[in-house]
């Protein structure tokens, strides 16, 4: 508990859990009164957490989606994939460590898996460029998707990025074209692909690997054309209005499911994925397994057509 990182709006829960820690430090085998008080406080804290997360605003969900202790791509690999073999490089320029991709076994089935890794400490964030992919990362994704298609392996994409890297070097090497080619490769697959937004899904940087037969989101994640801060700067020339932008843009999983942008929501443990990463990884694995299985009896053409129909149909029922 003492090592837990709290968000600003979690202050009431933080205060209750601090009191629980104090009582636990004082508790002995003979301290019956303290034990009773502990039980009451733990029940209050658990209820406060559930009530709080049941009414999160879009901006609060944005904060949760970016929480530093949420499981990252490498955590999902460790929890879900056996014999993971990462492949590096785009065979054109270099390797981009913001996007990790490779092959492994998911619950007994060989798969191709890729996703953005933000890093969990300063060194890791710098090495992985905070999960912001350069053109060579997307070209690596294309290379592996084509390999997966050739060997009839499902593709799993785990999305966690604020967006593609906007630096001059990325633009010089064809960032927009690389994103478009990666999106095209997703659409061309004859094998099923499943994408899960496991943190934040930002702009074309997310769509490039998330144009999938099934697009899922964790309960408190966001998926947006631009970050709330960037949108506020564009619309009102004031990044301080990020809360207004988050609310008006309809970026939560619940909004996007209603609009038909995504296909399902994966429930998070009480208090968010960062409270119980192992449970979150297990739940995500169950959802991915069910999604892949739903396409097992379909031909390659049928899988490809179903994906195209899904994206062509977005917005038609609004």
C-alpha atoms as a PDB file:
ATOM      1  CA  UNK A   1       0.000   0.000   0.000  1.00  0.00           C
ATOM      2  CA  UNK A   2       2.739   2.483   0.932  1.00  0.00           C
ATOM      3  CA  UNK A   3       4.272   2.127  -2.550  1.00  0.00           C
ATOM      4  CA  UNK A   4       0.977   2.736  -4.355  1.00  0.00           C
ATOM      5  CA  UNK A   5       0.722   5.782  -6.590  1.00  0.00           C
ATOM      6  CA  UNK A   6      -2.522   7.741  -6.275  1.00  0.00           C
ATOM      7  CA  UNK A   7      -4.146  10.068  -8.775  1.00  0.00           C
ATOM      8  CA  UNK A   8      -5.449  13.447  -7.628  1.00  0.00           C
ATOM      9  CA  UNK A   9      -9.090  12.408  -7.558  1.00  0.00           C
ATOM     10  CA  UNK A  10      -8.270   9.316  -5.475  1.00  0.00           C
ATOM     11  CA  UNK A  11      -7.469  11.410  -2.373  1.00  0.00           C
ATOM     12  CA  UNK A  12     -10.444  10.100  -0.289  1.00  0.00           C
ATOM     13  CA  UNK A  13      -9.360   6.502  -0.925  1.00  0.00           C
ATOM     14  CA  UNK A  14      -5.714   7.377  -0.245  1.00  0.00           C
ATOM     15  CA  UNK A  15      -6.616   8.783   3.167  1.00  0.00           C
ATOM     16  CA  UNK A  16      -8.609   5.685   4.112  1.00  0.00           C
ATOM     17  CA  UNK A  17      -5.849   3.332   2.994  1.00  0.00           C
ATOM     18  CA  UNK A  18      -3.260   5.365   4.896  1.00  0.00           C
ATOM     19  CA  UNK A  19      -5.306   4.840   8.062  1.00  0.00           C
ATOM     20  CA  UNK A  20      -5.528   1.126   7.273  1.00  0.00           C
ATOM     21  CA  UNK A  21      -1.728   0.964   6.962  1.00  0.00           C
ATOM     22  CA  UNK A  22      -1.329   2.703  10.318  1.00  0.00           C
ATOM     23  CA  UNK A  23      -3.678   0.280  12.057  1.00  0.00           C
ATOM     24  CA  UNK A  24      -1.965  -2.713  10.486  1.00  0.00           C
ATOM     25  CA  UNK A  25       1.342  -1.453  11.849  1.00  0.00           C
ATOM     26  CA  UNK A  26      -0.171  -1.264  15.332  1.00  0.00           C
ATOM     27  CA  UNK A  27      -2.046  -4.552  15.169  1.00  0.00           C
ATOM     28  CA  UNK A  28      -0.978  -7.505  17.330  1.00  0.00           C
ATOM     29  CA  UNK A  29      -2.584 -10.859  18.031  1.00  0.00           C
ATOM     30  CA  UNK A  30      -4.237  -9.418  21.150  1.00  0.00           C
ATOM     31  CA  UNK A  31      -5.505  -6.162  19.607  1.00  0.00           C
ATOM     32  CA  UNK A  32      -9.096  -7.219  18.924  1.00  0.00           C
ATOM     33  CA  UNK A  33     -10.464  -3.676  18.819  1.00  0.00           C
ATOM     34  CA  UNK A  34      -7.933  -2.683  16.183  1.00  0.00           C
ATOM     35  CA  UNK A  35      -8.860  -5.729  14.150  1.00  0.00           C
ATOM     36  CA  UNK A  36     -12.538  -4.778  14.154  1.00  0.00           C
ATOM     37  CA  UNK A  37     -11.736  -1.228  13.159  1.00  0.00           C
ATOM     38  CA  UNK A  38      -9.516  -2.552  10.352  1.00  0.00           C
ATOM     39  CA  UNK A  39     -12.356  -4.614   8.920  1.00  0.00           C
ATOM     40  CA  UNK A  40     -14.663  -1.585   8.939  1.00  0.00           C
ATOM     41  CA  UNK A  41     -12.065   0.672   7.321  1.00  0.00           C
ATOM     42  CA  UNK A  42     -11.190  -1.874   4.649  1.00  0.00           C
ATOM     43  CA  UNK A  43     -14.883  -2.213   3.772  1.00  0.00           C
ATOM     44  CA  UNK A  44     -15.232   1.589   3.580  1.00  0.00           C
ATOM     45  CA  UNK A  45     -12.133   1.898   1.401  1.00  0.00           C
ATOM     46  CA  UNK A  46     -13.282  -0.871  -0.950  1.00  0.00           C
ATOM     47  CA  UNK A  47     -16.736   0.711  -1.330  1.00  0.00           C
ATOM     48  CA  UNK A  48     -15.250   4.182  -1.821  1.00  0.00           C
ATOM     49  CA  UNK A  49     -13.003   2.815  -4.572  1.00  0.00           C
ATOM     50  CA  UNK A  50     -15.852   1.061  -6.382  1.00  0.00           C
ATOM     51  CA  UNK A  51     -18.127   4.113  -6.116  1.00  0.00           C
ATOM     52  CA  UNK A  52     -15.378   6.432  -7.332  1.00  0.00           C
ATOM     53  CA  UNK A  53     -14.507   4.355 -10.390  1.00  0.00           C
ATOM     54  CA  UNK A  54     -18.168   3.907 -11.294  1.00  0.00           C
ATOM     55  CA  UNK A  55     -18.497   7.653 -11.905  1.00  0.00           C
ATOM     56  CA  UNK A  56     -15.200   8.637 -13.517  1.00  0.00           C
ATOM     57  CA  UNK A  57     -15.268  11.596 -15.878  1.00  0.00           C
ATOM     58  CA  UNK A  58     -13.618  11.287 -19.304  1.00  0.00           C
ATOM     59  CA  UNK A  59     -10.634  13.309 -18.056  1.00  0.00           C
ATOM     60  CA  UNK A  60     -10.277  11.077 -15.002  1.00  0.00           C
ATOM     61  CA  UNK A  61     -10.357   8.044 -17.294  1.00  0.00           C
ATOM     62  CA  UNK A  62      -7.587   9.687 -19.297  1.00  0.00           C
ATOM     63  CA  UNK A  63      -5.506   9.911 -16.136  1.00  0.00           C
ATOM     64  CA  UNK A  64      -6.222   6.274 -15.306  1.00  0.00           C
ATOM     65  CA  UNK A  65      -5.329   5.159 -18.841  1.00  0.00           C
ATOM     66  CA  UNK A  66      -1.938   6.862 -18.427  1.00  0.00           C
ATOM     67  CA  UNK A  67      -1.269   5.554 -14.917  1.00  0.00           C
ATOM     68  CA  UNK A  68       2.388   4.591 -14.632  1.00  0.00           C
ATOM     69  CA  UNK A  69       1.575   1.333 -12.842  1.00  0.00           C
ATOM     70  CA  UNK A  70      -0.855  -0.056 -15.410  1.00  0.00           C
ATOM     71  CA  UNK A  71       0.472  -3.218 -17.074  1.00  0.00           C
ATOM     72  CA  UNK A  72       2.510  -2.479 -20.195  1.00  0.00           C
ATOM     73  CA  UNK A  73       3.126  -4.475 -23.350  1.00  0.00           C
ATOM     74  CA  UNK A  74       6.040  -6.398 -21.847  1.00  0.00           C
ATOM     75  CA  UNK A  75       3.843  -7.368 -18.889  1.00  0.00           C
ATOM     76  CA  UNK A  76       1.209  -8.818 -21.216  1.00  0.00           C
ATOM     77  CA  UNK A  77       3.919 -10.725 -23.074  1.00  0.00           C
ATOM     78  CA  UNK A  78       5.211 -12.176 -19.807  1.00  0.00           C
ATOM     79  CA  UNK A  79       1.719 -13.151 -18.685  1.00  0.00           C
ATOM     80  CA  UNK A  80       0.182 -14.411 -21.913  1.00  0.00           C
ATOM     81  CA  UNK A  81       2.839 -15.448 -24.439  1.00  0.00           C
ATOM     82  CA  UNK A  82       5.125 -18.461 -24.240  1.00  0.00           C
ATOM     83  CA  UNK A  83       8.383 -18.685 -26.208  1.00  0.00           C
ATOM     84  CA  UNK A  84       8.106 -15.076 -27.363  1.00  0.00           C
ATOM     85  CA  UNK A  85      10.679 -14.321 -30.056  1.00  0.00           C
ATOM     86  CA  UNK A  86      10.927 -10.618 -30.922  1.00  0.00           C
ATOM     87  CA  UNK A  87      12.067  -9.649 -34.406  1.00  0.00           C
ATOM     88  CA  UNK A  88      13.861  -6.349 -34.976  1.00  0.00           C
ATOM     89  CA  UNK A  89      14.179  -3.931 -37.844  1.00  0.00           C
ATOM     90  CA  UNK A  90      12.206  -2.889 -40.891  1.00  0.00           C
ATOM     91  CA  UNK A  91      14.863  -4.021 -43.422  1.00  0.00           C
ATOM     92  CA  UNK A  92      15.013  -0.442 -44.669  1.00  0.00           C
ATOM     93  CA  UNK A  93      16.429   1.856 -42.007  1.00  0.00           C
ATOM     94  CA  UNK A  94      16.616   0.663 -38.381  1.00  0.00           C
ATOM     95  CA  UNK A  95      14.789  -0.914 -35.467  1.00  0.00           C
ATOM     96  CA  UNK A  96      12.250   1.107 -33.528  1.00  0.00           C
ATOM     97  CA  UNK A  97      11.967   0.012 -29.901  1.00  0.00           C
ATOM     98  CA  UNK A  98       8.763   1.978 -29.374  1.00  0.00           C
ATOM     99  CA  UNK A  99       6.971  -0.873 -31.137  1.00  0.00           C
ATOM    100  CA  UNK A 100       7.860  -4.417 -30.137  1.00  0.00           C
ATOM    101  CA  UNK A 101       6.777  -7.264 -32.396  1.00  0.00           C
ATOM    102  CA  UNK A 102       7.430 -10.954 -32.657  1.00  0.00           C
ATOM    103  CA  UNK A 103       6.030 -14.467 -32.579  1.00  0.00           C
ATOM    104  CA  UNK A 104       5.101 -16.798 -29.752  1.00  0.00           C
ATOM    105  CA  UNK A 105       2.478 -19.157 -28.424  1.00  0.00           C
ATOM    106  CA  UNK A 106      -0.753 -17.831 -26.946  1.00  0.00           C
ATOM    107  CA  UNK A 107      -2.599 -20.515 -24.994  1.00  0.00           C
ATOM    108  CA  UNK A 108      -1.256 -23.234 -27.233  1.00  0.00           C
ATOM    109  CA  UNK A 109      -1.674 -21.378 -30.528  1.00  0.00           C
ATOM    110  CA  UNK A 110       1.126 -19.780 -32.514  1.00  0.00           C
ATOM    111  CA  UNK A 111       0.503 -16.064 -33.046  1.00  0.00           C
ATOM    112  CA  UNK A 112       2.120 -12.847 -34.153  1.00  0.00           C
ATOM    113  CA  UNK A 113       1.917 -10.178 -31.460  1.00  0.00           C
ATOM    114  CA  UNK A 114       2.921  -6.529 -31.547  1.00  0.00           C
ATOM    115  CA  UNK A 115       2.361  -3.380 -29.578  1.00  0.00           C
ATOM    116  CA  UNK A 116       3.747  -0.135 -28.225  1.00  0.00           C
ATOM    117  CA  UNK A 117       5.869  -0.181 -25.081  1.00  0.00           C
ATOM    118  CA  UNK A 118       6.027   3.092 -23.143  1.00  0.00           C
ATOM    119  CA  UNK A 119       8.618   2.000 -20.581  1.00  0.00           C
ATOM    120  CA  UNK A 120       8.137   1.861 -16.824  1.00  0.00           C
ATOM    121  CA  UNK A 121      11.095   3.972 -15.660  1.00  0.00           C
ATOM    122  CA  UNK A 122      13.097   6.892 -17.005  1.00  0.00           C
ATOM    123  CA  UNK A 123      15.613   4.740 -18.847  1.00  0.00           C
ATOM    124  CA  UNK A 124      12.908   2.565 -20.353  1.00  0.00           C
ATOM    125  CA  UNK A 125      10.778   5.521 -21.422  1.00  0.00           C
ATOM    126  CA  UNK A 126      13.684   7.083 -23.244  1.00  0.00           C
ATOM    127  CA  UNK A 127      14.680   3.798 -24.885  1.00  0.00           C
ATOM    128  CA  UNK A 128      11.115   3.128 -26.046  1.00  0.00           C
ATOM    129  CA  UNK A 129      10.467   6.796 -26.911  1.00  0.00           C
ATOM    130  CA  UNK A 130       7.418   6.839 -24.604  1.00  0.00           C
ATOM    131  CA  UNK A 131       5.640   4.437 -26.954  1.00  0.00           C
ATOM    132  CA  UNK A 132       5.610   6.915 -29.853  1.00  0.00           C
ATOM    133  CA  UNK A 133       6.443   4.955 -32.987  1.00  0.00           C
ATOM    134  CA  UNK A 134       8.619   6.157 -35.851  1.00  0.00           C
ATOM    135  CA  UNK A 135       8.153   5.054 -39.503  1.00  0.00           C
ATOM    136  CA  UNK A 136      10.531   2.122 -39.120  1.00  0.00           C
ATOM    137  CA  UNK A 137       8.339   0.770 -36.327  1.00  0.00           C
ATOM    138  CA  UNK A 138       5.297   0.680 -38.572  1.00  0.00           C
ATOM    139  CA  UNK A 139       7.331  -0.847 -41.385  1.00  0.00           C
ATOM    140  CA  UNK A 140       8.462  -3.515 -38.943  1.00  0.00           C
ATOM    141  CA  UNK A 141       4.796  -4.135 -38.133  1.00  0.00           C
ATOM    142  CA  UNK A 142       4.019  -4.527 -41.849  1.00  0.00           C
ATOM    143  CA  UNK A 143       6.888  -6.975 -42.270  1.00  0.00           C
ATOM    144  CA  UNK A 144       5.657  -9.161 -39.428  1.00  0.00           C
ATOM    145  CA  UNK A 145       1.998  -8.994 -40.453  1.00  0.00           C
ATOM    146  CA  UNK A 146       2.936 -10.206 -43.913  1.00  0.00           C
ATOM    147  CA  UNK A 147       4.916 -13.075 -42.355  1.00  0.00           C
ATOM    148  CA  UNK A 148       1.974 -13.968 -40.116  1.00  0.00           C
ATOM    149  CA  UNK A 149      -0.369 -13.967 -43.104  1.00  0.00           C
ATOM    150  CA  UNK A 150       2.000 -16.193 -45.066  1.00  0.00           C
ATOM    151  CA  UNK A 151       2.117 -18.762 -42.265  1.00  0.00           C
ATOM    152  CA  UNK A 152      -1.571 -18.462 -41.342  1.00  0.00           C
ATOM    153  CA  UNK A 153      -1.008 -17.071 -37.845  1.00  0.00           C
ATOM    154  CA  UNK A 154      -3.504 -14.767 -36.062  1.00  0.00           C
ATOM    155  CA  UNK A 155      -2.248 -11.266 -35.260  1.00  0.00           C
ATOM    156  CA  UNK A 156      -2.669  -9.652 -31.838  1.00  0.00           C
ATOM    157  CA  UNK A 157      -2.051  -5.925 -31.382  1.00  0.00           C
ATOM    158  CA  UNK A 158      -1.788  -4.252 -27.983  1.00  0.00           C
ATOM    159  CA  UNK A 159      -2.162  -0.488 -28.322  1.00  0.00           C
ATOM    160  CA  UNK A 160      -0.689   1.974 -25.834  1.00  0.00           C
ATOM    161  CA  UNK A 161       0.500   5.210 -27.379  1.00  0.00           C
ATOM    162  CA  UNK A 162      -0.201   8.909 -27.247  1.00  0.00           C
ATOM    163  CA  UNK A 163       0.325   8.888 -31.014  1.00  0.00           C
ATOM    164  CA  UNK A 164       2.962   8.396 -33.673  1.00  0.00           C
ATOM    165  CA  UNK A 165       6.208  10.293 -33.084  1.00  0.00           C
ATOM    166  CA  UNK A 166       5.856  13.829 -34.552  1.00  0.00           C
ATOM    167  CA  UNK A 167       9.559  14.633 -34.828  1.00  0.00           C
ATOM    168  CA  UNK A 168      11.240  16.047 -37.923  1.00  0.00           C
ATOM    169  CA  UNK A 169      13.243  12.849 -38.459  1.00  0.00           C
ATOM    170  CA  UNK A 170      10.059  10.786 -38.533  1.00  0.00           C
ATOM    171  CA  UNK A 171       8.456  13.135 -41.049  1.00  0.00           C
ATOM    172  CA  UNK A 172      11.575  13.039 -43.212  1.00  0.00           C
ATOM    173  CA  UNK A 173      11.380   9.246 -43.371  1.00  0.00           C
ATOM    174  CA  UNK A 174       7.701   9.194 -44.369  1.00  0.00           C
ATOM    175  CA  UNK A 175       5.666   8.905 -41.173  1.00  0.00           C
ATOM    176  CA  UNK A 176       2.275   9.373 -42.843  1.00  0.00           C
ATOM    177  CA  UNK A 177       3.060   6.867 -45.596  1.00  0.00           C
ATOM    178  CA  UNK A 178       4.283   4.305 -43.062  1.00  0.00           C
ATOM    179  CA  UNK A 179       1.092   4.639 -41.009  1.00  0.00           C
ATOM    180  CA  UNK A 180      -1.013   4.263 -44.163  1.00  0.00           C
ATOM    181  CA  UNK A 181       0.924   1.175 -45.278  1.00  0.00           C
ATOM    182  CA  UNK A 182       0.515  -0.419 -41.845  1.00  0.00           C
ATOM    183  CA  UNK A 183      -3.223   0.261 -41.868  1.00  0.00           C
ATOM    184  CA  UNK A 184      -3.407  -1.225 -45.366  1.00  0.00           C
ATOM    185  CA  UNK A 185      -1.526  -4.327 -44.181  1.00  0.00           C
ATOM    186  CA  UNK A 186      -4.069  -4.790 -41.356  1.00  0.00           C
ATOM    187  CA  UNK A 187      -6.945  -4.635 -43.844  1.00  0.00           C
ATOM    188  CA  UNK A 188      -5.261  -7.057 -46.261  1.00  0.00           C
ATOM    189  CA  UNK A 189      -4.762  -9.859 -43.733  1.00  0.00           C
ATOM    190  CA  UNK A 190      -6.466 -13.151 -44.494  1.00  0.00           C
ATOM    191  CA  UNK A 191      -5.973 -14.242 -40.885  1.00  0.00           C
ATOM    192  CA  UNK A 192      -7.984 -12.810 -37.985  1.00  0.00           C
ATOM    193  CA  UNK A 193      -6.468  -9.912 -36.094  1.00  0.00           C
ATOM    194  CA  UNK A 194      -7.492  -8.631 -32.680  1.00  0.00           C
ATOM    195  CA  UNK A 195      -6.500  -5.257 -31.258  1.00  0.00           C
ATOM    196  CA  UNK A 196      -6.778  -4.256 -27.607  1.00  0.00           C
ATOM    197  CA  UNK A 197      -6.275  -0.723 -26.319  1.00  0.00           C
ATOM    198  CA  UNK A 198      -4.468  -1.430 -23.044  1.00  0.00           C
ATOM    199  CA  UNK A 199      -3.646   2.183 -22.164  1.00  0.00           C
ATOM    200  CA  UNK A 200      -4.323   5.109 -24.438  1.00  0.00           C
ATOM    201  CA  UNK A 201      -4.942   4.821 -28.145  1.00  0.00           C
ATOM    202  CA  UNK A 202      -3.817   7.969 -29.880  1.00  0.00           C
ATOM    203  CA  UNK A 203      -4.574   8.982 -33.457  1.00  0.00           C
ATOM    204  CA  UNK A 204      -3.080   7.230 -36.491  1.00  0.00           C
ATOM    205  CA  UNK A 205      -0.333   5.894 -34.271  1.00  0.00           C
ATOM    206  CA  UNK A 206      -2.920   3.548 -32.808  1.00  0.00           C
ATOM    207  CA  UNK A 207      -5.025   2.925 -35.925  1.00  0.00           C
ATOM    208  CA  UNK A 208      -1.922   1.742 -37.809  1.00  0.00           C
ATOM    209  CA  UNK A 209      -1.950  -1.538 -35.850  1.00  0.00           C
ATOM    210  CA  UNK A 210      -5.559  -1.506 -34.609  1.00  0.00           C
ATOM    211  CA  UNK A 211      -7.481  -1.846 -37.879  1.00  0.00           C
ATOM    212  CA  UNK A 212      -8.612  -5.268 -36.763  1.00  0.00           C
ATOM    213  CA  UNK A 213     -11.471  -7.758 -36.971  1.00  0.00           C
ATOM    214  CA  UNK A 214     -12.082  -7.133 -33.282  1.00  0.00           C
ATOM    215  CA  UNK A 215     -11.134  -3.921 -31.497  1.00  0.00           C
ATOM    216  CA  UNK A 216     -11.423  -4.119 -27.716  1.00  0.00           C
ATOM    217  CA  UNK A 217     -10.724  -1.609 -24.956  1.00  0.00           C
ATOM    218  CA  UNK A 218     -10.055  -1.881 -21.271  1.00  0.00           C
ATOM    219  CA  UNK A 219     -12.851  -0.354 -19.217  1.00  0.00           C
ATOM    220  CA  UNK A 220     -11.051   2.859 -18.263  1.00  0.00           C
ATOM    221  CA  UNK A 221      -8.991   3.437 -21.403  1.00  0.00           C
ATOM    222  CA  UNK A 222      -9.303   6.144 -24.052  1.00  0.00           C
ATOM    223  CA  UNK A 223      -9.115   6.024 -27.845  1.00  0.00           C
ATOM    224  CA  UNK A 224      -8.961   9.350 -29.615  1.00  0.00           C
ATOM    225  CA  UNK A 225      -7.983  11.223 -32.755  1.00  0.00           C
ATOM    226  CA  UNK A 226      -5.806  13.559 -30.654  1.00  0.00           C
ATOM    227  CA  UNK A 227      -4.994  13.897 -26.969  1.00  0.00           C
ATOM    228  CA  UNK A 228      -7.317  16.113 -24.883  1.00  0.00           C
ATOM    229  CA  UNK A 229      -4.431  18.546 -24.355  1.00  0.00           C
ATOM    230  CA  UNK A 230      -3.695  18.811 -28.072  1.00  0.00           C
ATOM    231  CA  UNK A 231      -7.363  19.137 -28.943  1.00  0.00           C
ATOM    232  CA  UNK A 232      -7.864  21.899 -26.387  1.00  0.00           C
ATOM    233  CA  UNK A 233      -4.871  23.746 -27.840  1.00  0.00           C
ATOM    234  CA  UNK A 234      -6.286  23.435 -31.356  1.00  0.00           C
ATOM    235  CA  UNK A 235      -9.908  24.297 -30.537  1.00  0.00           C
ATOM    236  CA  UNK A 236      -9.482  26.943 -27.846  1.00  0.00           C
ATOM    237  CA  UNK A 237      -5.760  27.721 -27.942  1.00  0.00           C
ATOM    238  CA  UNK A 238      -5.735  26.732 -24.296  1.00  0.00           C
ATOM    239  CA  UNK A 239      -4.405  23.314 -23.225  1.00  0.00           C
ATOM    240  CA  UNK A 240      -5.864  24.006 -19.783  1.00  0.00           C
ATOM    241  CA  UNK A 241      -9.286  23.164 -21.193  1.00  0.00           C
ATOM    242  CA  UNK A 242      -8.282  19.543 -21.572  1.00  0.00           C
ATOM    243  CA  UNK A 243     -11.178  18.405 -19.384  1.00  0.00           C
ATOM    244  CA  UNK A 244     -13.677  20.073 -21.720  1.00  0.00           C
ATOM    245  CA  UNK A 245     -11.970  18.469 -24.702  1.00  0.00           C
ATOM    246  CA  UNK A 246     -11.984  15.012 -23.110  1.00  0.00           C
ATOM    247  CA  UNK A 247     -15.702  15.292 -22.384  1.00  0.00           C
ATOM    248  CA  UNK A 248     -16.750  16.641 -25.785  1.00  0.00           C
ATOM    249  CA  UNK A 249     -14.624  14.281 -27.880  1.00  0.00           C
ATOM    250  CA  UNK A 250     -16.328  11.092 -26.592  1.00  0.00           C
ATOM    251  CA  UNK A 251     -13.090   9.187 -26.090  1.00  0.00           C
ATOM    252  CA  UNK A 252     -14.070   6.621 -23.462  1.00  0.00           C
ATOM    253  CA  UNK A 253     -14.639   2.934 -24.105  1.00  0.00           C
ATOM    254  CA  UNK A 254     -18.313   3.314 -23.207  1.00  0.00           C
ATOM    255  CA  UNK A 255     -18.853   6.105 -25.757  1.00  0.00           C
ATOM    256  CA  UNK A 256     -16.928   4.306 -28.491  1.00  0.00           C
ATOM    257  CA  UNK A 257     -18.825   1.053 -27.987  1.00  0.00           C
ATOM    258  CA  UNK A 258     -22.098   2.955 -28.307  1.00  0.00           C
ATOM    259  CA  UNK A 259     -20.910   4.522 -31.572  1.00  0.00           C
ATOM    260  CA  UNK A 260     -19.734   1.182 -32.971  1.00  0.00           C
ATOM    261  CA  UNK A 261     -16.068   2.222 -33.126  1.00  0.00           C
ATOM    262  CA  UNK A 262     -15.008  -0.678 -30.908  1.00  0.00           C
ATOM    263  CA  UNK A 263     -16.468  -4.149 -30.460  1.00  0.00           C
ATOM    264  CA  UNK A 264     -16.173  -4.799 -26.744  1.00  0.00           C
ATOM    265  CA  UNK A 265     -15.044  -3.610 -23.321  1.00  0.00           C
ATOM    266  CA  UNK A 266     -12.861  -5.684 -21.001  1.00  0.00           C
ATOM    267  CA  UNK A 267     -13.789  -5.042 -17.333  1.00  0.00           C
ATOM    268  CA  UNK A 268     -11.014  -3.838 -15.043  1.00  0.00           C
ATOM    269  CA  UNK A 269     -10.463  -4.817 -11.414  1.00  0.00           C
ATOM    270  CA  UNK A 270     -11.905  -2.436  -8.804  1.00  0.00           C
ATOM    271  CA  UNK A 271      -9.760   0.684  -8.843  1.00  0.00           C
ATOM    272  CA  UNK A 272      -8.335   0.075 -12.300  1.00  0.00           C
ATOM    273  CA  UNK A 273      -5.909  -2.323 -13.982  1.00  0.00           C
ATOM    274  CA  UNK A 274      -2.981  -0.985 -11.938  1.00  0.00           C
ATOM    275  CA  UNK A 275      -4.585  -2.319  -8.744  1.00  0.00           C
ATOM    276  CA  UNK A 276      -4.444  -5.934  -9.934  1.00  0.00           C
ATOM    277  CA  UNK A 277      -2.283  -6.283 -13.058  1.00  0.00           C
ATOM    278  CA  UNK A 278      -2.319 -10.091 -13.028  1.00  0.00           C
ATOM    279  CA  UNK A 279      -6.127 -10.210 -13.060  1.00  0.00           C
ATOM    280  CA  UNK A 280      -6.202  -7.607 -15.825  1.00  0.00           C
ATOM    281  CA  UNK A 281      -3.764  -9.563 -17.971  1.00  0.00           C
ATOM    282  CA  UNK A 282      -5.755 -12.754 -17.427  1.00  0.00           C
ATOM    283  CA  UNK A 283      -9.056 -11.050 -18.358  1.00  0.00           C
ATOM    284  CA  UNK A 284      -7.466  -9.563 -21.456  1.00  0.00           C
ATOM    285  CA  UNK A 285      -6.173 -12.974 -22.490  1.00  0.00           C
ATOM    286  CA  UNK A 286      -9.663 -14.463 -22.129  1.00  0.00           C
ATOM    287  CA  UNK A 287     -11.138 -11.743 -24.347  1.00  0.00           C
ATOM    288  CA  UNK A 288      -8.458 -12.192 -27.004  1.00  0.00           C
ATOM    289  CA  UNK A 289      -8.894 -15.970 -26.997  1.00  0.00           C
ATOM    290  CA  UNK A 290     -12.664 -15.663 -27.456  1.00  0.00           C
ATOM    291  CA  UNK A 291     -12.239 -13.140 -30.274  1.00  0.00           C
ATOM    292  CA  UNK A 292      -9.795 -15.299 -32.216  1.00  0.00           C
ATOM    293  CA  UNK A 293     -11.970 -18.378 -31.739  1.00  0.00           C
ATOM    294  CA  UNK A 294     -14.983 -16.598 -33.257  1.00  0.00           C
ATOM    295  CA  UNK A 295     -13.206 -16.583 -36.638  1.00  0.00           C
ATOM    296  CA  UNK A 296     -11.941 -20.177 -36.573  1.00  0.00           C
ATOM    297  CA  UNK A 297     -14.538 -21.490 -39.037  1.00  0.00           C
ATOM    298  CA  UNK A 298     -14.223 -18.634 -41.515  1.00  0.00           C
ATOM    299  CA  UNK A 299     -12.267 -18.682 -44.754  1.00  0.00           C
ATOM    300  CA  UNK A 300      -9.508 -16.185 -45.430  1.00  0.00           C
ATOM    301  CA  UNK A 301     -11.728 -14.199 -47.776  1.00  0.00           C
ATOM    302  CA  UNK A 302     -14.559 -14.173 -45.240  1.00  0.00           C
ATOM    303  CA  UNK A 303     -12.210 -12.904 -42.513  1.00  0.00           C
ATOM    304  CA  UNK A 304     -10.953 -10.151 -44.807  1.00  0.00           C
ATOM    305  CA  UNK A 305     -14.468  -9.187 -45.917  1.00  0.00           C
ATOM    306  CA  UNK A 306     -15.781  -9.112 -42.340  1.00  0.00           C
ATOM    307  CA  UNK A 307     -13.022  -6.694 -41.356  1.00  0.00           C
ATOM    308  CA  UNK A 308     -13.687  -4.433 -44.320  1.00  0.00           C
ATOM    309  CA  UNK A 309     -17.442  -4.437 -43.657  1.00  0.00           C
ATOM    310  CA  UNK A 310     -16.827  -3.551 -40.020  1.00  0.00           C
ATOM    311  CA  UNK A 311     -14.858  -0.402 -40.838  1.00  0.00           C
ATOM    312  CA  UNK A 312     -17.011   0.621 -43.810  1.00  0.00           C
ATOM    313  CA  UNK A 313     -20.043   0.366 -41.532  1.00  0.00           C
ATOM    314  CA  UNK A 314     -18.761   2.741 -38.845  1.00  0.00           C
ATOM    315  CA  UNK A 315     -21.011   5.772 -38.642  1.00  0.00           C
ATOM    316  CA  UNK A 316     -23.819   4.415 -40.821  1.00  0.00           C
ATOM    317  CA  UNK A 317     -26.179   3.766 -37.903  1.00  0.00           C
ATOM    318  CA  UNK A 318     -25.640   7.116 -36.163  1.00  0.00           C
END
